[in-house]
Protein backbone atom coordinates (compact mmCIF):
# COMPACT_ATOMS: atom_id res chain seq x y z
CA MET A 1 -9.04 -21.66 -6.98
CA ARG A 2 -12.40 -22.45 -7.82
CA TRP A 3 -13.32 -22.13 -4.28
CA ILE A 4 -12.48 -19.18 -3.82
CA GLY A 5 -14.56 -18.06 -6.49
CA TRP A 6 -17.35 -19.79 -5.79
CA SER A 7 -17.04 -18.33 -1.62
CA LEU A 8 -16.80 -14.89 -3.66
CA ALA A 9 -19.60 -15.34 -5.53
CA GLY A 10 -21.93 -16.38 -2.43
CA ALA A 11 -20.34 -13.37 -0.30
CA SER A 12 -21.38 -11.29 -3.24
CA ILE A 13 -25.10 -12.39 -3.72
CA THR A 14 -25.16 -12.08 0.30
CA ALA A 15 -23.66 -8.10 -0.06
CA ALA A 16 -26.55 -7.51 -3.15
CA ALA A 17 -29.05 -8.69 -0.95
CA ILE A 18 -28.45 -6.95 1.99
CA PHE A 19 -27.67 -3.59 0.39
CA ALA A 20 -30.66 -4.12 -1.87
CA ALA A 21 -32.88 -4.60 0.93
CA ARG A 22 -30.98 -1.81 3.01
CA ARG A 23 -30.55 0.83 1.05
CA PRO A 24 -33.49 2.60 1.88
CA LEU A 25 -32.38 2.50 5.53
CA LEU A 26 -29.04 3.79 4.03
CA ALA A 27 -30.28 6.85 2.80
CA ARG A 28 -32.29 7.75 5.77
CA LEU A 29 -29.03 7.43 7.63
CA LEU A 30 -27.59 9.76 5.34
CA GLU A 31 -30.98 12.04 5.49
CA LEU A 32 -31.30 12.17 1.83
CA ARG A 33 -34.76 12.61 0.51
CA PRO A 34 -36.95 9.46 -0.27
CA ALA A 35 -36.49 7.75 -3.72
CA GLU A 36 -39.18 8.79 -6.14
CA TYR A 37 -37.85 6.25 -9.18
CA GLN A 38 -37.54 2.79 -10.44
CA VAL A 39 -33.93 2.59 -12.26
CA SER A 40 -33.26 0.95 -15.18
CA VAL A 41 -29.51 0.15 -16.07
CA THR A 42 -27.73 -0.15 -19.67
CA ARG A 43 -24.32 -1.89 -19.54
CA ASP A 44 -21.37 -1.25 -21.56
CA ILE A 45 -22.11 1.77 -23.59
CA PRO A 46 -19.26 2.54 -26.41
CA VAL A 47 -18.23 6.77 -26.30
CA ARG A 48 -15.61 7.09 -29.09
CA MET A 49 -12.83 9.97 -28.45
CA PRO A 50 -11.87 12.41 -31.15
CA ASP A 51 -8.49 10.39 -31.75
CA GLY A 52 -10.89 7.02 -32.38
CA VAL A 53 -10.44 5.66 -28.66
CA VAL A 54 -13.76 3.72 -27.36
CA LEU A 55 -14.26 4.13 -23.80
CA TYR A 56 -17.33 2.59 -22.14
CA ALA A 57 -19.89 3.98 -19.81
CA ASP A 58 -22.99 2.47 -18.08
CA HIS A 59 -26.31 4.60 -17.52
CA TYR A 60 -28.60 4.47 -14.88
CA ALA A 61 -31.87 6.20 -15.87
CA PRO A 62 -35.03 6.83 -13.96
CA ARG A 63 -38.11 5.24 -15.35
CA SER A 64 -40.14 8.10 -16.17
CA ARG A 65 -41.40 10.17 -18.78
CA GLU A 66 -39.75 13.06 -17.37
CA ARG A 67 -36.74 14.37 -18.50
CA HIS A 68 -34.22 14.74 -15.64
CA PRO A 69 -30.45 16.28 -15.07
CA THR A 70 -27.53 14.13 -15.55
CA ILE A 71 -24.39 13.31 -13.56
CA LEU A 72 -21.37 12.08 -14.55
CA ILE A 73 -19.11 10.04 -12.89
CA ARG A 74 -15.45 9.23 -15.06
CA THR A 75 -13.17 6.62 -12.93
CA PRO A 76 -10.34 4.58 -13.22
CA TYR A 77 -11.26 1.93 -10.51
CA GLY A 78 -13.93 0.30 -12.57
CA ARG A 79 -17.79 0.43 -13.33
CA PRO A 80 -20.29 -1.62 -11.17
CA GLY A 81 -20.44 -4.55 -13.47
CA GLU A 82 -16.58 -4.56 -14.25
CA LEU A 83 -15.91 -5.02 -10.13
CA GLY A 84 -17.22 -8.18 -9.35
CA PRO A 85 -18.37 -8.32 -5.54
CA LEU A 86 -16.74 -5.52 -5.32
CA GLY A 87 -19.18 -3.47 -7.68
CA ILE A 88 -21.67 -3.69 -5.18
CA PHE A 89 -20.95 -0.09 -3.50
CA GLU A 90 -20.89 1.54 -6.94
CA HIS A 91 -23.82 -0.05 -8.29
CA THR A 92 -25.49 1.51 -4.59
CA GLY A 93 -24.27 4.99 -5.15
CA CYS A 94 -25.38 5.07 -8.73
CA MET A 95 -28.92 3.98 -7.86
CA LEU A 96 -29.23 6.45 -4.76
CA PHE A 97 -28.58 9.31 -7.18
CA ALA A 98 -30.87 7.75 -10.11
CA GLU A 99 -33.64 7.16 -7.73
CA ARG A 100 -33.78 10.67 -6.82
CA GLY A 101 -34.29 11.76 -10.27
CA TYR A 102 -30.75 12.07 -12.08
CA HIS A 103 -29.56 10.19 -15.06
CA VAL A 104 -26.38 8.71 -14.28
CA ILE A 105 -23.11 8.03 -16.69
CA VAL A 106 -20.66 5.95 -14.80
CA GLN A 107 -17.45 5.58 -17.59
CA SER A 108 -13.85 3.68 -16.85
CA VAL A 109 -11.17 6.32 -18.22
CA ARG A 110 -8.89 5.23 -20.87
CA GLY A 111 -7.12 2.60 -20.53
CA ARG A 112 -8.97 1.13 -17.28
CA TYR A 113 -11.10 -2.28 -17.55
CA ARG A 114 -12.73 -2.59 -21.30
CA SER A 115 -12.13 1.05 -22.38
CA GLU A 116 -9.80 1.29 -25.06
CA GLY A 117 -6.57 2.86 -25.35
CA GLU A 118 -3.20 3.31 -22.47
CA PHE A 119 -3.69 4.04 -19.18
CA GLU A 120 -1.49 7.26 -18.35
CA PRO A 121 -2.62 8.97 -14.96
CA PHE A 122 -4.41 12.57 -15.47
CA VAL A 123 -2.81 13.14 -18.65
CA ASN A 124 -6.04 12.59 -20.59
CA GLU A 125 -8.94 13.15 -18.23
CA ALA A 126 -9.33 16.75 -19.35
CA ALA A 127 -9.63 16.17 -23.33
CA ASP A 128 -11.40 12.48 -22.52
CA GLY A 129 -13.81 14.06 -20.13
CA ARG A 130 -14.99 17.23 -22.67
CA ALA A 131 -15.15 15.07 -25.21
CA THR A 132 -17.44 12.73 -22.89
CA VAL A 133 -19.42 15.80 -21.80
CA ALA A 134 -20.51 16.70 -25.41
CA TRP A 135 -21.37 12.97 -25.68
CA ILE A 136 -24.38 13.43 -22.84
CA ALA A 137 -25.29 17.02 -24.69
CA ALA A 138 -26.01 15.14 -27.78
CA GLN A 139 -28.38 12.13 -26.11
CA PRO A 140 -32.11 12.44 -26.69
CA TRP A 141 -32.43 11.97 -23.06
CA PHE A 142 -30.37 14.59 -21.74
CA ASP A 143 -32.27 18.02 -20.28
CA GLY A 144 -29.80 20.94 -20.56
CA ASN A 145 -28.60 20.41 -17.02
CA LEU A 146 -25.18 18.61 -16.17
CA GLY A 147 -23.29 17.88 -13.00
CA LEU A 148 -19.58 15.68 -12.15
CA TRP A 149 -19.15 13.90 -9.16
CA GLY A 150 -16.67 11.94 -7.67
CA PRO A 151 -13.75 11.18 -4.89
CA SER A 152 -10.25 11.09 -4.79
CA TYR A 153 -8.85 9.92 -8.67
CA VAL A 154 -12.61 10.28 -9.66
CA GLY A 155 -12.82 13.78 -8.63
CA TYR A 156 -9.70 14.98 -10.50
CA THR A 157 -11.50 13.99 -13.70
CA GLN A 158 -13.81 16.56 -13.25
CA TRP A 159 -11.68 19.40 -13.35
CA GLY A 160 -10.75 19.44 -17.14
CA PRO A 161 -14.20 19.46 -18.35
CA ALA A 162 -15.09 22.16 -15.83
CA ILE A 163 -12.58 24.71 -17.19
CA ASP A 164 -14.10 26.94 -20.00
CA GLY A 165 -16.78 24.24 -19.66
CA PRO A 166 -19.64 24.66 -21.45
CA PRO A 167 -22.95 26.44 -19.81
CA TYR A 168 -24.64 23.70 -19.23
CA LEU A 169 -22.41 22.18 -17.16
CA LYS A 170 -23.94 23.93 -14.17
CA ALA A 171 -22.68 22.13 -11.15
CA ILE A 172 -19.62 19.84 -10.04
CA VAL A 173 -19.09 17.85 -6.44
CA PRO A 174 -14.95 17.22 -6.21
CA VAL A 175 -14.81 14.24 -3.29
CA VAL A 176 -11.43 14.23 -1.14
CA THR A 177 -9.48 15.70 -4.06
CA SER A 178 -7.45 18.65 -5.37
CA ALA A 179 -6.62 20.03 -8.84
CA ARG A 180 -2.96 20.00 -7.74
CA PHE A 181 -1.74 16.92 -7.38
CA SER A 182 2.27 17.72 -7.49
CA PRO A 183 2.06 18.30 -3.83
CA LEU A 184 0.26 15.47 -2.60
CA PHE A 185 3.20 13.57 -4.48
CA TYR A 186 6.15 15.91 -2.48
CA PRO A 187 4.59 17.20 0.44
CA GLY A 188 6.82 19.63 2.06
CA GLY A 189 9.58 18.47 -0.69
CA ALA A 190 9.46 14.96 0.60
CA PHE A 191 8.21 11.74 -1.49
CA ALA A 192 4.55 10.71 -0.60
CA PHE A 193 6.25 6.82 -0.47
CA GLU A 194 3.36 4.68 0.77
CA SER A 195 0.87 6.18 -0.62
CA THR A 196 2.07 6.63 -4.11
CA LEU A 197 3.07 2.84 -3.78
CA ARG A 198 -0.22 2.00 -2.50
CA TRP A 199 -1.93 3.28 -5.35
CA VAL A 200 0.31 2.03 -7.91
CA PHE A 201 -0.80 -1.44 -6.53
CA LEU A 202 -4.32 -0.86 -6.90
CA ILE A 203 -4.38 0.13 -10.11
CA ASP A 204 -2.18 -2.65 -11.30
CA ALA A 205 -3.90 -5.28 -9.29
CA THR A 206 -7.13 -4.33 -10.85
CA ASN A 207 -6.58 -4.07 -14.17
CA ARG A 208 -4.86 -7.43 -14.90
CA HIS A 209 -7.31 -8.82 -17.23
CA ARG A 210 -8.19 -5.57 -18.27
CA HIS A 211 -12.49 -6.62 -18.92
CA ARG A 212 -13.81 -7.27 -14.98
CA LEU A 213 -11.70 -8.53 -11.49
CA ASP A 214 -11.63 -12.10 -11.23
CA PRO A 215 -11.30 -14.36 -8.51
CA ALA A 216 -7.50 -14.31 -8.96
CA ALA A 217 -7.41 -10.72 -9.02
CA LEU A 218 -9.49 -10.46 -6.00
CA TRP A 219 -7.57 -12.87 -3.76
CA ARG A 220 -4.46 -10.45 -4.87
CA LEU A 221 -5.74 -7.45 -3.63
CA LEU A 222 -7.68 -8.37 -0.69
CA VAL A 223 -5.54 -11.47 0.43
CA LEU A 224 -2.32 -10.70 -0.52
CA ARG A 225 -1.97 -7.30 -0.57
CA GLU A 226 -0.25 -6.39 2.76
CA ARG A 227 1.93 -8.92 2.55
CA ILE A 228 2.97 -7.92 -1.01
CA LEU A 229 3.28 -4.45 0.40
CA ALA A 230 4.73 -5.24 3.39
CA ARG A 231 8.06 -6.30 1.09
CA ALA A 232 7.56 -3.65 -0.84
CA LEU A 233 7.79 -0.49 1.38
CA HIS A 234 10.41 -2.23 3.17
CA HIS A 235 12.89 -2.46 0.07
CA ARG A 236 15.81 -0.48 -0.61
CA PRO A 237 16.18 1.64 -2.51
CA TYR A 238 12.80 2.64 -2.86
CA ALA A 239 13.10 3.44 -6.03
CA HIS A 240 12.66 -0.25 -7.15
CA ALA A 241 9.51 -0.72 -5.21
CA ASP A 242 7.28 -0.77 -7.73
CA ALA A 243 8.61 -3.68 -9.28
CA ILE A 244 8.55 -5.72 -6.11
CA ALA A 245 4.87 -4.91 -5.29
CA THR A 246 3.63 -5.59 -9.22
CA GLY A 247 6.56 -7.68 -10.57
CA ALA A 248 7.47 -5.08 -13.14
CA THR A 249 8.69 -1.27 -13.32
CA VAL A 250 5.93 1.26 -13.49
CA PRO A 251 6.61 3.47 -16.09
CA PHE A 252 4.37 6.18 -14.35
CA PHE A 253 5.80 5.53 -10.66
CA GLN A 254 9.54 6.19 -11.98
CA ARG A 255 8.18 9.79 -13.71
CA TRP A 256 7.08 11.15 -10.05
CA LEU A 257 10.28 9.79 -8.75
CA ASN A 258 12.30 11.52 -11.34
CA ASP A 259 10.38 14.42 -11.99
CA PRO A 260 9.76 16.22 -8.66
CA ASP A 261 9.65 19.73 -10.13
CA PRO A 262 5.95 21.16 -9.73
CA GLN A 263 6.79 23.94 -12.16
CA GLY A 264 8.31 21.28 -15.17
CA ASP A 265 6.56 20.41 -17.84
CA TYR A 266 5.16 17.41 -16.73
CA TRP A 267 3.31 18.78 -13.43
CA SER A 268 2.35 22.21 -15.06
CA LYS A 269 0.13 20.09 -17.68
CA VAL A 270 -1.03 17.85 -14.44
CA ASP A 271 -2.09 20.19 -12.00
CA MET A 272 -5.15 22.32 -12.86
CA HIS A 273 -4.80 25.01 -10.33
CA ARG A 274 -3.62 27.78 -12.26
CA GLN A 275 -6.94 27.76 -14.40
CA LEU A 276 -9.10 27.28 -11.54
CA HIS A 277 -10.75 31.27 -12.11
CA ARG A 278 -11.85 29.68 -15.64
CA ILE A 279 -14.19 27.67 -14.04
CA ASN A 280 -17.98 28.58 -14.20
CA ALA A 281 -19.53 25.84 -12.83
CA ALA A 282 -20.83 25.50 -9.13
CA VAL A 283 -17.99 24.19 -7.11
CA HIS A 284 -18.73 22.16 -3.62
CA LEU A 285 -15.53 20.77 -2.34
CA VAL A 286 -15.98 17.62 -0.04
CA ALA A 287 -13.00 17.54 2.21
CA GLY A 288 -11.13 15.32 5.32
CA TRP A 289 -9.34 16.37 8.04
CA TYR A 290 -7.49 13.46 7.63
CA ASP A 291 -7.35 13.18 4.39
CA ILE A 292 -4.27 12.93 1.69
CA PHE A 293 -5.62 15.87 -0.35
CA LEU A 294 -6.79 17.95 2.63
CA PRO A 295 -3.64 20.73 2.08
CA GLY A 296 -4.30 21.19 -1.62
CA GLN A 297 -8.20 20.66 -1.57
CA LEU A 298 -8.12 24.05 0.77
CA ALA A 299 -5.75 25.66 -1.40
CA ASP A 300 -8.49 25.20 -4.05
CA TYR A 301 -10.75 26.91 -2.15
CA THR A 302 -8.91 29.36 -1.69
CA ALA A 303 -8.02 29.82 -4.99
CA LEU A 304 -11.56 29.79 -6.14
CA LEU A 305 -12.37 32.50 -3.73
CA ALA A 306 -9.96 34.48 -5.11
CA ALA A 307 -10.96 34.08 -8.51
CA GLY A 308 -14.19 35.66 -7.57
CA LYS A 309 -16.51 32.26 -7.51
CA ARG A 310 -18.28 31.10 -4.22
CA PRO A 311 -17.18 27.92 -3.60
CA TYR A 312 -18.90 25.73 -0.44
CA LEU A 313 -16.60 23.95 1.54
CA THR A 314 -17.59 20.65 3.76
CA VAL A 315 -14.94 18.92 5.55
CA LEU A 316 -15.78 15.35 7.26
CA PRO A 317 -13.91 13.80 9.99
CA ARG A 318 -12.94 11.32 7.97
CA ALA A 319 -9.44 10.08 6.57
CA HIS A 320 -9.08 8.84 2.98
CA THR A 321 -9.87 4.94 2.62
CA ASP A 322 -13.10 5.71 5.06
CA LEU A 323 -15.90 3.95 2.97
CA ALA A 324 -18.17 6.29 5.00
CA LEU A 325 -16.61 9.17 3.52
CA VAL A 326 -18.48 8.75 -0.32
CA PHE A 327 -21.63 8.07 0.92
CA GLU A 328 -21.36 11.22 2.59
CA GLY A 329 -19.72 12.41 -0.22
CA MET A 330 -23.09 11.80 -2.38
CA ARG A 331 -25.36 13.39 0.32
CA GLU A 332 -23.50 16.55 -0.05
CA GLY A 333 -23.59 16.38 -3.42
CA LEU A 334 -27.10 15.22 -4.03
CA TRP A 335 -28.04 18.46 -2.33
CA TRP A 336 -25.84 20.53 -4.45
CA PHE A 337 -27.19 18.70 -7.64
CA ASP A 338 -30.37 19.78 -6.20
CA ALA A 339 -30.09 23.35 -6.09
CA HIS A 340 -27.81 23.62 -9.10
CA LEU A 341 -29.47 21.35 -11.50
CA LYS A 342 -33.00 21.24 -10.04
CA GLY A 343 -33.50 24.62 -9.71
CA LYS A 344 -34.04 24.24 -5.91
CA ARG A 345 -31.96 27.15 -4.66
CA GLU A 346 -33.46 27.30 -1.39
CA LEU A 347 -31.05 25.07 -0.35
CA LEU A 348 -28.17 26.91 -0.54
CA ALA A 349 -29.32 28.98 2.46
CA ARG A 350 -26.97 26.86 4.43
CA ARG A 351 -23.89 29.31 5.19
CA PRO A 352 -21.07 28.38 1.99
CA VAL A 353 -18.60 26.37 4.73
CA ARG A 354 -19.78 23.79 7.30
CA ILE A 355 -16.84 21.49 9.35
CA ALA A 356 -17.03 19.37 11.78
CA LEU A 357 -15.58 20.01 14.82
CA MET A 358 -13.58 16.82 16.07
CA GLY A 359 -13.38 16.04 19.71
CA SER A 360 -16.89 17.08 19.89
CA HIS A 361 -20.29 16.31 18.02
CA GLU A 362 -20.48 19.40 16.75
CA TRP A 363 -21.03 20.92 12.89
CA HIS A 364 -19.87 24.82 12.58
CA GLU A 365 -21.18 26.76 9.99
CA MET A 366 -19.60 29.97 8.88
CA ASP A 367 -19.01 32.27 5.33
CA PHE A 368 -15.34 31.81 4.77
CA TRP A 369 -12.39 29.44 5.88
CA PRO A 370 -10.50 30.07 7.91
CA PRO A 371 -12.15 31.73 10.23
CA PRO A 372 -11.34 34.76 12.41
CA ALA A 373 -8.88 33.15 15.24
CA THR A 374 -6.19 34.37 17.42
CA LEU A 375 -2.87 33.37 16.99
CA THR A 376 -1.93 31.87 19.92
CA ARG A 377 2.21 30.37 20.55
CA TYR A 378 3.00 27.47 22.59
CA PHE A 379 6.80 27.42 23.01
CA LEU A 380 8.99 24.60 23.34
CA GLN A 381 10.24 24.46 27.36
CA PRO A 382 13.65 22.85 28.87
CA ASN A 383 12.29 19.47 29.95
CA ARG A 384 10.40 18.68 27.27
CA GLY A 385 7.23 21.08 28.42
CA LEU A 386 5.27 23.58 26.50
CA ASP A 387 3.31 26.33 27.53
CA ARG A 388 2.46 30.26 26.30
CA THR A 389 5.73 31.62 28.54
CA LEU A 390 9.11 32.47 25.97
CA PRO A 391 11.48 29.58 27.00
CA PRO A 392 14.38 30.79 29.38
CA VAL A 393 17.50 32.29 27.73
CA ASN A 394 19.86 29.42 28.70
CA ALA A 395 17.53 26.72 28.18
CA PRO A 396 19.83 23.68 26.54
CA PRO A 397 18.22 22.11 23.24
CA SER A 398 17.31 18.98 22.69
CA ARG A 399 18.78 16.16 20.54
CA PHE A 400 17.76 13.50 18.46
CA VAL A 401 19.42 11.39 16.21
CA TYR A 402 18.25 10.01 13.15
CA ASP A 403 19.39 7.10 11.46
CA PRO A 404 18.19 5.99 7.88
CA THR A 405 19.20 2.58 8.42
CA ASN A 406 16.28 2.37 10.93
CA PRO A 407 14.07 5.36 10.39
CA THR A 408 11.55 6.47 12.43
CA PRO A 409 8.20 5.12 11.76
CA ALA A 410 5.16 6.99 10.80
CA ILE A 411 1.56 5.96 12.65
CA GLY A 412 -1.95 6.78 11.29
CA GLY A 413 -2.47 10.48 9.91
CA ALA A 414 -3.44 11.23 6.22
CA VAL A 415 -1.66 8.01 4.66
CA LEU A 416 -4.06 6.23 1.36
CA SER A 417 -3.91 2.83 4.35
CA ALA A 418 -6.23 1.53 6.12
CA TRP A 419 -4.13 2.57 9.49
CA GLY A 420 -4.70 6.18 8.77
CA GLY A 421 -6.42 8.44 10.47
CA PRO A 422 -6.13 9.07 13.97
CA ARG A 423 -3.97 6.39 15.72
CA ASP A 424 -2.19 6.21 19.70
CA GLN A 425 1.61 7.69 19.47
CA ARG A 426 2.77 6.42 22.48
CA SER A 427 5.02 3.30 20.77
CA VAL A 428 6.48 6.04 18.33
CA GLU A 429 7.00 8.44 21.24
CA THR A 430 9.39 6.23 23.43
CA ARG A 431 11.91 5.83 20.81
CA ALA A 432 14.84 7.66 21.41
CA ASP A 433 14.78 9.38 17.68
CA VAL A 434 11.65 11.08 18.64
CA LEU A 435 11.11 14.51 20.84
CA THR A 436 8.11 15.18 22.54
CA PHE A 437 7.15 18.61 24.19
CA THR A 438 3.81 18.54 26.70
CA SER A 439 1.65 21.09 27.85
CA GLN A 440 0.00 20.89 31.49
CA PRO A 441 -3.11 19.94 31.64
CA LEU A 442 -5.89 22.20 30.21
CA SER A 443 -8.26 23.61 32.87
CA THR A 444 -11.14 24.50 30.27
CA ASP A 445 -12.11 23.33 26.81
CA LEU A 446 -9.66 24.58 23.82
CA ASP A 447 -11.10 24.58 20.27
CA VAL A 448 -8.10 25.20 16.93
CA ILE A 449 -9.34 25.59 14.11
CA GLY A 450 -7.83 26.69 10.96
CA PRO A 451 -3.85 25.84 9.53
CA VAL A 452 -1.71 25.39 12.31
CA ARG A 453 2.04 26.08 11.72
CA LEU A 454 5.53 24.77 13.91
CA ILE A 455 8.41 26.88 14.12
CA LEU A 456 12.03 24.90 14.68
CA TYR A 457 15.48 26.45 15.21
CA VAL A 458 17.92 23.69 14.07
CA CYS A 459 21.34 22.35 13.69
CA SER A 460 22.01 19.71 12.29
CA ASP A 461 25.96 18.02 10.94
CA ARG A 462 24.28 17.71 7.60
CA PRO A 463 23.15 19.69 5.12
CA PHE A 464 20.41 17.11 3.91
CA PHE A 465 17.85 16.25 6.18
CA ASP A 466 14.13 16.18 6.84
CA LEU A 467 11.84 17.35 9.82
CA VAL A 468 8.96 16.07 11.02
CA GLY A 469 6.42 17.72 13.36
CA ARG A 470 2.84 16.51 14.64
CA LEU A 471 0.09 18.08 17.28
CA CYS A 472 -1.05 15.47 19.30
CA ASP A 473 -4.02 15.03 21.74
CA VAL A 474 -2.68 13.40 25.15
CA TYR A 475 -5.51 12.11 26.79
CA PRO A 476 -5.68 11.39 30.75
CA ASP A 477 -5.13 7.90 30.06
CA GLY A 478 -2.11 8.79 28.22
CA ARG A 479 -3.28 7.70 24.81
CA SER A 480 -1.56 10.60 22.38
CA ILE A 481 -3.54 10.91 19.35
CA ASN A 482 -1.94 12.71 16.17
CA ILE A 483 -4.29 15.27 15.20
CA CYS A 484 -2.41 17.17 12.29
CA ASP A 485 1.31 17.00 10.91
CA GLY A 486 4.00 18.24 8.27
CA ILE A 487 7.12 17.61 7.02
CA VAL A 488 10.12 19.74 5.16
CA ARG A 489 12.86 18.43 3.13
CA VAL A 490 15.58 20.74 4.37
CA ARG A 491 18.57 21.20 1.43
CA PRO A 492 20.54 24.19 0.83
CA GLY A 493 18.59 26.96 0.41
CA VAL A 494 15.68 25.89 2.44
CA GLY A 495 15.11 27.70 5.57
CA GLU A 496 16.35 30.84 7.01
CA GLN A 497 20.43 30.56 8.46
CA GLN A 498 20.53 32.68 11.35
CA ALA A 499 24.01 34.49 12.58
CA ASP A 500 25.50 31.44 14.49
CA GLY A 501 24.93 28.71 12.25
CA SER A 502 21.15 27.47 13.10
CA TYR A 503 18.24 27.36 10.68
CA ARG A 504 15.08 28.67 11.04
CA ILE A 505 12.68 25.94 10.03
CA GLU A 506 9.02 26.48 9.17
CA ILE A 507 6.64 23.17 8.94
CA ASP A 508 3.23 23.60 7.70
CA LEU A 509 1.03 20.99 9.94
CA THR A 510 -1.65 21.61 7.01
CA ALA A 511 -5.04 22.56 9.59
CA THR A 512 -7.78 21.13 11.70
CA ALA A 513 -10.91 21.87 13.20
CA GLN A 514 -10.17 20.11 17.16
CA ARG A 515 -11.54 20.58 20.44
CA PHE A 516 -8.86 19.84 22.70
CA ARG A 517 -11.08 18.58 25.90
CA ALA A 518 -10.40 19.96 29.76
CA GLY A 519 -8.44 17.79 31.34
CA HIS A 520 -6.01 17.03 28.29
CA ARG A 521 -2.86 18.00 27.31
CA LEU A 522 -1.37 19.29 24.37
CA ARG A 523 1.69 17.83 22.97
CA VAL A 524 4.23 18.62 20.02
CA GLN A 525 6.24 15.55 18.21
CA ILE A 526 9.36 16.03 16.38
CA ALA A 527 11.53 13.26 14.37
CA GLY A 528 13.77 13.38 11.52
CA GLY A 529 11.02 11.15 8.88
CA GLY A 530 8.07 9.05 9.08
CA SER A 531 8.36 5.98 7.41
CA PRO A 532 6.94 4.75 5.00
CA ARG A 533 4.85 7.26 4.42
CA TRP A 534 7.27 9.69 3.44
CA GLY A 535 10.11 7.77 1.64
CA PRO A 536 13.16 7.42 4.18
CA HIS A 537 15.97 10.32 3.72
CA PRO A 538 19.09 8.68 2.79
CA GLY A 539 21.37 11.48 4.57
CA ASP A 540 22.77 13.03 1.93
CA GLY A 541 21.31 14.72 -1.55
CA SER A 542 20.72 11.49 -3.47
CA PRO A 543 17.67 11.43 -6.02
CA TYR A 544 14.63 10.50 -4.63
CA GLY A 545 14.40 6.60 -4.16
CA GLN A 546 18.02 6.12 -4.65
CA GLY A 547 19.61 6.44 -1.44
CA TYR A 548 20.07 3.04 0.75
CA GLY A 549 20.46 4.73 3.89
CA GLY A 550 23.70 6.24 5.07
CA SER A 551 25.24 6.72 8.69
CA PRO A 552 23.04 8.50 11.49
CA ILE A 553 22.46 12.05 11.11
CA LYS A 554 22.55 14.29 14.72
CA GLN A 555 19.64 17.03 14.99
CA ARG A 556 19.93 19.82 17.57
CA VAL A 557 16.21 21.77 18.35
CA LEU A 558 17.22 25.00 19.83
CA HIS A 559 14.56 25.99 22.09
CA ASP A 560 15.87 29.20 24.33
CA ALA A 561 14.90 33.06 24.49
CA ALA A 562 17.35 33.95 21.13
CA HIS A 563 15.52 30.41 19.20
CA PRO A 564 11.90 30.41 20.18
CA SER A 565 10.82 27.27 18.91
CA VAL A 566 7.06 27.44 18.82
CA ILE A 567 3.73 25.97 17.65
CA ILE A 568 1.01 28.70 16.33
CA LEU A 569 -2.50 27.55 16.94
CA PRO A 570 -5.26 28.93 15.77
CA VAL A 571 -7.50 28.96 18.84
CA MET A 572 -11.60 30.20 18.54
CA ASN A 573 -12.34 30.61 22.40
CA ASN A 574 -10.14 31.88 25.41
CA ASP A 575 -6.56 30.07 25.82
CA PRO A 576 -7.33 28.12 29.26
CA THR A 577 -3.91 28.39 30.40
CA ARG A 578 -3.14 31.69 31.01
């Protein structure tokens, strides 16, 4: 193993040299204002919590006699000095802020790396965050202006301190995260198996030696990860997949499997969206069109707006694991902090909502999300067609069979994986358990901006099953690229039963901003699952992760005049098919 350590050390030195030399280039690429200060770094600063637990932080400080605002970053993923070769990215981010006149405090959360205590996701972040904010306010270098920044779980740690936060906490920038985590784990009532297990593996692999990543941990994380996860993600029943991935049962993974009620005691404490009206800091939400948190983050925006707040929203054309997303989130954070912590209010002249229009190189600004749009209906047709006209009265249903022992796979989409995001769907669409409905080629460009819904009339030989819907962009060369999708776990009480015994099921395909180019076609994809992204349905009412998979489930999708199955698109320009 020694050669691994030397190789990683060499790679770390090389990476450090490259990043140190190219930090100005990165700043120019991100269109950051020029650096102004040299920076000093103080490591391993103890911060004592009210219960006596000590959390450790690093301080990046501008070398200046002036006083400067402060940015707090609280993370379970390790401070730069604890991460070995991987810490160069975090270090670069902290330096980019500090060189532009900000104190940056990076703290490992409770139970992670050197910080004391037990790590229990979400549970302690509000109290520990408030205590850390109070500690910053007592430091002699604090100028009375504080902001919070960070992506994913690091973004979640901002909500607790911001709720009824002190007046000096003036701005927060939650990047690809949400104040509501239960919908992330249970989208449409299914279980987000792959994203959850990948995160459990990451937390385990990066904290085996507590103080810092060593070569063995890096080898497991960077080299063995996919081999280990492949076994775990295909293990049945998947309730035991945590032990396959980590070597032991993971209590919080089991809690999430066994406590699916978003209104229950656990999630009521963890989800903070019910208190968003008590946030007085200026909020800038940075989201991604293929991000796992997009539905929750858009819901947070709506809740803040309804509470009379004035949130800003930026949506990037990114997936959760895209490294560029973090640096772009820094760019969005810097101008937000300059406006609210440095008093440069002229920077707020741009409109509050800014979104990337995928399929183009355009950015669109607007006052609110979603923008006014024409809700345009494309009906499922006989012979797998898709168009604006109602289907005929006698159109026969389309049928497929979902086999729990050979579940339909999912490719790409909003999943915590390097293979998430937009991916060619043709290998899935050739399967007998996937239905596709495709339009004629578009005569002109079609801009779809806003929430997308799919309404299906279905019959099944079981009371328990999943329905997956997906909107795809079909290129002239045949590529079928996923744009947005969703799932509903159907059980008694879900869906609207019709007089003939069929059910009307509505699937939220989240939202998008996509230009479908002239010559491209729209495609709706329908399946009974998407494994391992969502935990495969066992075909019965078994608790999450407990079923081994029973006999095949026979499904019928009705699309006749009495059962108008339809996808509803928010269109921002004239419909070219009419």
